[in-house]
Amino acid sequence: MVHREPVRVYWEDTDAGGVVFYANYLKFFERARTEWLRSLGFGQQRLRDETGLIFVVTETTVRYHRPARLDDRLELTVALHALHRASLRVVQQAWRGDELLAEGDIRIGCVSAADFRPQRLPAPLTAALAPLDNHTQE
C-alpha cells in the first residue's frame, strides 16, 4: 500500500536557481510521513501525549532525478519497506505527473521523548503497519 500526499511548491521552497532546494525534499517527505501515520490513526502529537514516544530520523538517502520548480504540483508517496521492533524504514518519492523527481530511503527510530532512548514501537502501530510490510523482522 502506497500513501499519496499532494503538495504545491512555494517560493520559500526554491533556491536562487528557481528550483526546489535539495534539502526541502526532506521537509516534503516529513510532511507526507506525518499524514501517512495520521491516515493510519496515529497522529504524532497524540502518540507523544499518550505514550511518551516520538519518532526520529536516524538515516536517510535521497537521490535527485529532476528539478521541481515554483508552483509545481507534486505528489509525494510513502511506502513501508521494513518494520523492526524499534524502527521502520520507508521509501518515499516525489512525482510531478508521471515524472519521478526524487526518491528517498528513510529509517525512522522510535524513542522516548524524555531521554531519546530507543523504544519498541507501540503494539497498535505495529499491528497497523505489519500488513503493509513484506519484510517484517522480529
N, C-alpha and C. Protein backbone atom coordinates (compact mmCIF):
# COMPACT_ATOMS: atom_id res chain seq x y z
N MET A 1 0.84 -1.17 0.00
CA MET A 1 0.00 0.00 0.00
C MET A 1 0.89 1.24 0.00
N VAL A 2 0.60 2.15 -0.90
CA VAL A 2 1.36 3.39 -1.02
C VAL A 2 0.46 4.55 -0.64
N HIS A 3 0.93 5.36 0.29
CA HIS A 3 0.20 6.58 0.65
C HIS A 3 0.63 7.69 -0.30
N ARG A 4 -0.31 8.49 -0.75
CA ARG A 4 -0.04 9.61 -1.66
C ARG A 4 -0.48 10.91 -1.02
N GLU A 5 0.39 11.91 -1.11
CA GLU A 5 0.11 13.20 -0.49
C GLU A 5 0.47 14.32 -1.48
N PRO A 6 -0.50 15.17 -1.83
CA PRO A 6 -0.19 16.28 -2.75
C PRO A 6 0.50 17.43 -2.03
N VAL A 7 1.33 18.15 -2.76
CA VAL A 7 1.99 19.34 -2.22
C VAL A 7 2.23 20.31 -3.39
N ARG A 8 2.17 21.57 -3.08
CA ARG A 8 2.46 22.62 -4.07
C ARG A 8 3.81 23.22 -3.71
N VAL A 9 4.61 23.57 -4.72
CA VAL A 9 5.91 24.21 -4.48
C VAL A 9 5.68 25.71 -4.37
N TYR A 10 6.12 26.28 -3.24
CA TYR A 10 6.01 27.71 -2.99
C TYR A 10 7.37 28.38 -3.14
N TRP A 11 7.33 29.70 -3.21
CA TRP A 11 8.54 30.49 -3.34
C TRP A 11 9.58 30.10 -2.28
N GLU A 12 9.13 29.93 -1.05
CA GLU A 12 10.04 29.61 0.06
C GLU A 12 10.74 28.27 -0.11
N ASP A 13 10.23 27.42 -1.00
CA ASP A 13 10.81 26.10 -1.22
C ASP A 13 11.95 26.12 -2.24
N THR A 14 12.11 27.23 -2.95
CA THR A 14 13.06 27.27 -4.06
C THR A 14 14.36 27.98 -3.68
N ASP A 15 15.38 27.73 -4.48
CA ASP A 15 16.68 28.36 -4.28
C ASP A 15 16.86 29.49 -5.30
N ALA A 16 18.05 30.03 -5.36
CA ALA A 16 18.33 31.15 -6.26
C ALA A 16 18.16 30.75 -7.73
N GLY A 17 18.25 29.48 -8.02
CA GLY A 17 18.09 29.00 -9.39
C GLY A 17 16.63 28.76 -9.78
N GLY A 18 15.72 28.99 -8.82
CA GLY A 18 14.30 28.82 -9.12
C GLY A 18 13.81 27.39 -9.05
N VAL A 19 14.61 26.51 -8.48
CA VAL A 19 14.20 25.12 -8.31
C VAL A 19 14.11 24.77 -6.83
N VAL A 20 13.43 23.71 -6.52
CA VAL A 20 13.31 23.31 -5.12
C VAL A 20 14.70 23.02 -4.56
N PHE A 21 15.01 23.69 -3.46
CA PHE A 21 16.27 23.48 -2.75
C PHE A 21 16.33 22.02 -2.31
N TYR A 22 17.44 21.36 -2.52
CA TYR A 22 17.54 19.92 -2.32
C TYR A 22 17.08 19.46 -0.94
N ALA A 23 17.41 20.22 0.11
CA ALA A 23 17.04 19.81 1.47
C ALA A 23 15.54 19.89 1.71
N ASN A 24 14.83 20.67 0.91
CA ASN A 24 13.39 20.80 1.10
C ASN A 24 12.63 19.54 0.73
N TYR A 25 13.23 18.66 -0.05
CA TYR A 25 12.59 17.38 -0.30
C TYR A 25 12.43 16.60 1.00
N LEU A 26 13.39 16.76 1.92
CA LEU A 26 13.28 16.09 3.22
C LEU A 26 12.09 16.64 4.00
N LYS A 27 11.83 17.94 3.89
CA LYS A 27 10.65 18.52 4.53
C LYS A 27 9.37 17.98 3.90
N PHE A 28 9.36 17.90 2.58
CA PHE A 28 8.19 17.35 1.89
C PHE A 28 7.96 15.91 2.33
N PHE A 29 9.03 15.12 2.39
CA PHE A 29 8.91 13.72 2.80
C PHE A 29 8.40 13.62 4.24
N GLU A 30 8.88 14.50 5.11
CA GLU A 30 8.44 14.51 6.51
C GLU A 30 6.93 14.76 6.59
N ARG A 31 6.45 15.73 5.84
CA ARG A 31 5.01 16.03 5.84
C ARG A 31 4.21 14.83 5.36
N ALA A 32 4.68 14.20 4.31
CA ALA A 32 3.97 13.03 3.77
C ALA A 32 3.94 11.89 4.78
N ARG A 33 5.06 11.64 5.49
CA ARG A 33 5.08 10.59 6.51
C ARG A 33 4.12 10.91 7.65
N THR A 34 4.09 12.19 8.05
CA THR A 34 3.18 12.60 9.12
C THR A 34 1.73 12.34 8.72
N GLU A 35 1.37 12.67 7.50
CA GLU A 35 0.00 12.45 7.03
C GLU A 35 -0.29 10.96 6.83
N TRP A 36 0.71 10.20 6.45
CA TRP A 36 0.57 8.75 6.32
C TRP A 36 0.24 8.13 7.67
N LEU A 37 1.01 8.51 8.69
CA LEU A 37 0.74 7.99 10.04
C LEU A 37 -0.64 8.44 10.52
N ARG A 38 -0.99 9.69 10.25
CA ARG A 38 -2.30 10.20 10.65
C ARG A 38 -3.41 9.41 9.96
N SER A 39 -3.22 9.06 8.68
CA SER A 39 -4.23 8.29 7.95
C SER A 39 -4.41 6.88 8.53
N LEU A 40 -3.38 6.40 9.23
CA LEU A 40 -3.45 5.10 9.89
C LEU A 40 -3.99 5.21 11.32
N GLY A 41 -4.29 6.44 11.74
CA GLY A 41 -4.84 6.67 13.07
C GLY A 41 -3.81 7.00 14.13
N PHE A 42 -2.62 7.41 13.71
CA PHE A 42 -1.53 7.67 14.67
C PHE A 42 -0.95 9.07 14.47
N GLY A 43 -1.66 10.07 14.97
CA GLY A 43 -1.11 11.43 14.97
C GLY A 43 0.09 11.48 15.89
N GLN A 44 1.12 12.19 15.48
CA GLN A 44 2.36 12.17 16.26
C GLN A 44 2.24 12.88 17.60
N GLN A 45 1.47 13.96 17.67
CA GLN A 45 1.31 14.63 18.96
C GLN A 45 0.54 13.74 19.93
N ARG A 46 -0.49 13.08 19.43
CA ARG A 46 -1.26 12.17 20.28
C ARG A 46 -0.39 11.00 20.74
N LEU A 47 0.44 10.49 19.85
CA LEU A 47 1.35 9.40 20.20
C LEU A 47 2.27 9.84 21.34
N ARG A 48 2.80 11.05 21.23
CA ARG A 48 3.69 11.56 22.29
C ARG A 48 2.92 11.75 23.60
N ASP A 49 1.74 12.33 23.51
CA ASP A 49 0.94 12.59 24.71
C ASP A 49 0.54 11.31 25.42
N GLU A 50 0.18 10.29 24.66
CA GLU A 50 -0.35 9.05 25.24
C GLU A 50 0.72 8.03 25.61
N THR A 51 1.84 8.06 24.91
CA THR A 51 2.86 7.02 25.15
C THR A 51 4.22 7.56 25.57
N GLY A 52 4.45 8.86 25.36
CA GLY A 52 5.76 9.43 25.64
C GLY A 52 6.79 9.10 24.59
N LEU A 53 6.33 8.63 23.42
CA LEU A 53 7.23 8.23 22.34
C LEU A 53 7.18 9.22 21.19
N ILE A 54 8.33 9.37 20.54
CA ILE A 54 8.42 10.20 19.34
C ILE A 54 9.25 9.45 18.31
N PHE A 55 9.19 9.94 17.07
CA PHE A 55 10.00 9.37 16.00
C PHE A 55 11.15 10.31 15.66
N VAL A 56 12.29 9.73 15.37
CA VAL A 56 13.45 10.49 14.91
C VAL A 56 14.00 9.83 13.65
N VAL A 57 14.44 10.65 12.72
CA VAL A 57 15.08 10.11 11.53
C VAL A 57 16.49 9.72 11.92
N THR A 58 16.86 8.47 11.65
CA THR A 58 18.20 8.00 12.00
C THR A 58 19.11 7.82 10.79
N GLU A 59 18.50 7.75 9.62
CA GLU A 59 19.30 7.59 8.41
C GLU A 59 18.45 7.97 7.21
N THR A 60 19.07 8.62 6.26
CA THR A 60 18.35 8.96 5.04
C THR A 60 19.30 9.01 3.85
N THR A 61 18.80 8.56 2.74
CA THR A 61 19.49 8.66 1.47
C THR A 61 18.49 9.21 0.47
N VAL A 62 18.86 10.26 -0.24
CA VAL A 62 17.97 10.83 -1.23
C VAL A 62 18.70 10.89 -2.57
N ARG A 63 18.00 10.48 -3.60
CA ARG A 63 18.53 10.57 -4.96
C ARG A 63 17.65 11.54 -5.74
N TYR A 64 18.30 12.48 -6.39
CA TYR A 64 17.59 13.52 -7.14
C TYR A 64 17.68 13.21 -8.63
N HIS A 65 16.53 13.23 -9.30
CA HIS A 65 16.48 12.91 -10.72
C HIS A 65 16.22 14.13 -11.60
N ARG A 66 15.24 14.94 -11.21
CA ARG A 66 14.85 16.11 -12.00
C ARG A 66 14.44 17.22 -11.03
N PRO A 67 14.57 18.48 -11.45
CA PRO A 67 14.20 19.57 -10.56
C PRO A 67 12.69 19.83 -10.54
N ALA A 68 12.20 20.20 -9.38
CA ALA A 68 10.84 20.74 -9.25
C ALA A 68 10.98 22.25 -9.21
N ARG A 69 9.95 22.95 -9.68
CA ARG A 69 10.01 24.41 -9.78
C ARG A 69 8.81 25.06 -9.11
N LEU A 70 8.92 26.36 -8.94
CA LEU A 70 7.87 27.16 -8.34
C LEU A 70 6.51 26.84 -8.97
N ASP A 71 5.51 26.66 -8.11
CA ASP A 71 4.12 26.40 -8.48
C ASP A 71 3.85 24.98 -8.99
N ASP A 72 4.88 24.15 -9.08
CA ASP A 72 4.63 22.75 -9.47
C ASP A 72 3.72 22.09 -8.45
N ARG A 73 2.86 21.24 -8.94
CA ARG A 73 2.05 20.38 -8.07
C ARG A 73 2.76 19.03 -8.04
N LEU A 74 3.13 18.61 -6.85
CA LEU A 74 3.83 17.36 -6.69
C LEU A 74 2.95 16.35 -5.97
N GLU A 75 3.25 15.09 -6.18
CA GLU A 75 2.63 14.04 -5.39
C GLU A 75 3.75 13.29 -4.70
N LEU A 76 3.67 13.23 -3.38
CA LEU A 76 4.66 12.53 -2.58
C LEU A 76 4.10 11.17 -2.20
N THR A 77 4.93 10.16 -2.23
CA THR A 77 4.48 8.83 -1.84
C THR A 77 5.28 8.33 -0.65
N VAL A 78 4.63 7.45 0.10
CA VAL A 78 5.26 6.79 1.25
C VAL A 78 4.89 5.32 1.16
N ALA A 79 5.89 4.46 1.19
CA ALA A 79 5.65 3.02 1.21
C ALA A 79 6.55 2.39 2.27
N LEU A 80 5.97 1.57 3.11
CA LEU A 80 6.74 0.88 4.13
C LEU A 80 7.65 -0.14 3.47
N HIS A 81 8.93 -0.09 3.83
CA HIS A 81 9.89 -1.05 3.28
C HIS A 81 10.23 -2.14 4.29
N ALA A 82 10.41 -1.75 5.54
CA ALA A 82 10.75 -2.74 6.56
C ALA A 82 10.26 -2.26 7.92
N LEU A 83 9.79 -3.20 8.70
CA LEU A 83 9.28 -2.94 10.04
C LEU A 83 10.13 -3.72 11.03
N HIS A 84 10.69 -3.01 12.00
CA HIS A 84 11.52 -3.63 13.03
C HIS A 84 10.89 -3.33 14.40
N ARG A 85 11.47 -3.85 15.45
CA ARG A 85 10.91 -3.64 16.79
C ARG A 85 10.88 -2.18 17.21
N ALA A 86 11.95 -1.45 16.94
CA ALA A 86 12.05 -0.06 17.39
C ALA A 86 12.23 0.93 16.24
N SER A 87 12.04 0.47 15.02
CA SER A 87 12.22 1.37 13.88
C SER A 87 11.45 0.86 12.68
N LEU A 88 11.37 1.73 11.70
CA LEU A 88 10.79 1.34 10.43
C LEU A 88 11.55 2.04 9.33
N ARG A 89 11.47 1.47 8.16
CA ARG A 89 12.14 2.04 7.00
C ARG A 89 11.10 2.27 5.93
N VAL A 90 11.10 3.46 5.35
CA VAL A 90 10.15 3.78 4.29
C VAL A 90 10.90 4.23 3.05
N VAL A 91 10.26 4.00 1.91
CA VAL A 91 10.73 4.51 0.64
C VAL A 91 9.76 5.61 0.25
N GLN A 92 10.29 6.77 -0.08
CA GLN A 92 9.46 7.91 -0.46
C GLN A 92 9.89 8.44 -1.81
N GLN A 93 8.91 8.96 -2.54
CA GLN A 93 9.18 9.52 -3.85
C GLN A 93 8.43 10.83 -4.02
N ALA A 94 8.99 11.70 -4.84
CA ALA A 94 8.34 12.94 -5.24
C ALA A 94 8.11 12.86 -6.75
N TRP A 95 6.86 13.02 -7.14
CA TRP A 95 6.46 12.93 -8.55
C TRP A 95 5.84 14.23 -9.02
N ARG A 96 6.07 14.56 -10.27
CA ARG A 96 5.33 15.61 -10.97
C ARG A 96 4.70 14.91 -12.16
N GLY A 97 3.40 14.63 -12.02
CA GLY A 97 2.74 13.81 -13.03
C GLY A 97 3.36 12.43 -13.03
N ASP A 98 3.83 11.99 -14.19
CA ASP A 98 4.46 10.66 -14.28
C ASP A 98 5.98 10.74 -14.27
N GLU A 99 6.51 11.89 -13.86
CA GLU A 99 7.96 12.11 -13.83
C GLU A 99 8.49 12.03 -12.40
N LEU A 100 9.37 11.06 -12.15
CA LEU A 100 9.99 10.90 -10.83
C LEU A 100 11.06 11.98 -10.66
N LEU A 101 10.91 12.79 -9.60
CA LEU A 101 11.85 13.88 -9.34
C LEU A 101 12.91 13.52 -8.31
N ALA A 102 12.48 12.85 -7.25
CA ALA A 102 13.41 12.48 -6.17
C ALA A 102 12.87 11.27 -5.45
N GLU A 103 13.78 10.49 -4.86
CA GLU A 103 13.35 9.34 -4.07
C GLU A 103 14.27 9.20 -2.87
N GLY A 104 13.65 8.83 -1.76
CA GLY A 104 14.40 8.71 -0.53
C GLY A 104 14.18 7.38 0.16
N ASP A 105 15.20 6.91 0.83
CA ASP A 105 15.14 5.72 1.67
C ASP A 105 15.42 6.23 3.08
N ILE A 106 14.41 6.14 3.95
CA ILE A 106 14.48 6.81 5.24
C ILE A 106 14.20 5.82 6.37
N ARG A 107 15.08 5.80 7.36
CA ARG A 107 14.89 4.96 8.55
C ARG A 107 14.48 5.86 9.70
N ILE A 108 13.41 5.46 10.38
CA ILE A 108 12.86 6.23 11.48
C ILE A 108 12.90 5.39 12.74
N GLY A 109 13.49 5.93 13.80
CA GLY A 109 13.55 5.24 15.06
C GLY A 109 12.49 5.73 16.01
N CYS A 110 12.04 4.86 16.87
CA CYS A 110 11.09 5.20 17.92
C CYS A 110 11.88 5.36 19.22
N VAL A 111 11.74 6.53 19.85
CA VAL A 111 12.50 6.81 21.06
C VAL A 111 11.60 7.44 22.12
N SER A 112 12.07 7.38 23.34
CA SER A 112 11.40 8.07 24.44
C SER A 112 11.63 9.57 24.28
N ALA A 113 10.55 10.36 24.39
CA ALA A 113 10.68 11.81 24.29
C ALA A 113 11.49 12.37 25.46
N ALA A 114 11.52 11.66 26.57
CA ALA A 114 12.21 12.14 27.76
C ALA A 114 13.73 12.02 27.66
N ASP A 115 14.23 10.90 27.11
CA ASP A 115 15.68 10.70 27.11
C ASP A 115 16.25 10.21 25.78
N PHE A 116 15.41 10.10 24.76
CA PHE A 116 15.81 9.70 23.42
C PHE A 116 16.39 8.29 23.34
N ARG A 117 16.07 7.45 24.32
CA ARG A 117 16.49 6.05 24.25
C ARG A 117 15.54 5.28 23.35
N PRO A 118 16.06 4.35 22.56
CA PRO A 118 15.21 3.55 21.67
C PRO A 118 14.13 2.80 22.46
N GLN A 119 12.95 2.74 21.88
CA GLN A 119 11.81 2.05 22.48
C GLN A 119 11.10 1.22 21.41
N ARG A 120 10.44 0.16 21.86
CA ARG A 120 9.63 -0.62 20.93
C ARG A 120 8.52 0.26 20.36
N LEU A 121 8.20 0.02 19.10
CA LEU A 121 7.03 0.67 18.52
C LEU A 121 5.80 0.24 19.30
N PRO A 122 4.84 1.12 19.51
CA PRO A 122 3.63 0.71 20.21
C PRO A 122 2.92 -0.43 19.47
N ALA A 123 2.41 -1.38 20.22
CA ALA A 123 1.77 -2.56 19.63
C ALA A 123 0.67 -2.20 18.63
N PRO A 124 -0.20 -1.23 18.92
CA PRO A 124 -1.24 -0.90 17.94
C PRO A 124 -0.66 -0.38 16.62
N LEU A 125 0.45 0.36 16.69
CA LEU A 125 1.08 0.85 15.47
C LEU A 125 1.70 -0.31 14.70
N THR A 126 2.39 -1.19 15.41
CA THR A 126 2.97 -2.37 14.76
C THR A 126 1.89 -3.19 14.08
N ALA A 127 0.76 -3.36 14.76
CA ALA A 127 -0.35 -4.13 14.18
C ALA A 127 -0.89 -3.45 12.92
N ALA A 128 -0.94 -2.13 12.92
CA ALA A 128 -1.44 -1.41 11.74
C ALA A 128 -0.45 -1.46 10.59
N LEU A 129 0.84 -1.48 10.91
CA LEU A 129 1.87 -1.48 9.87
C LEU A 129 2.21 -2.86 9.32
N ALA A 130 2.11 -3.88 10.15
CA ALA A 130 2.53 -5.23 9.75
C ALA A 130 1.92 -5.70 8.43
N PRO A 131 0.63 -5.49 8.19
CA PRO A 131 0.07 -5.94 6.91
C PRO A 131 0.64 -5.20 5.69
N LEU A 132 1.27 -4.06 5.91
CA LEU A 132 1.84 -3.26 4.81
C LEU A 132 3.26 -3.68 4.46
N ASP A 133 3.86 -4.56 5.26
CA ASP A 133 5.26 -4.90 5.14
C ASP A 133 5.48 -6.35 4.76
N ASN A 134 6.29 -6.55 3.75
CA ASN A 134 6.66 -7.93 3.36
C ASN A 134 8.00 -8.34 3.96
N HIS A 135 8.64 -7.44 4.68
CA HIS A 135 9.97 -7.71 5.22
C HIS A 135 10.01 -7.63 6.74
N THR A 136 8.90 -7.86 7.42
CA THR A 136 8.85 -7.73 8.88
C THR A 136 9.91 -8.62 9.52
N GLN A 137 10.66 -8.01 10.47
CA GLN A 137 11.70 -8.74 11.19
C GLN A 137 11.44 -8.64 12.67
N GLU A 138 11.58 -9.72 13.36
CA GLU A 138 11.37 -9.73 14.82
C GLU A 138 12.59 -9.29 15.53
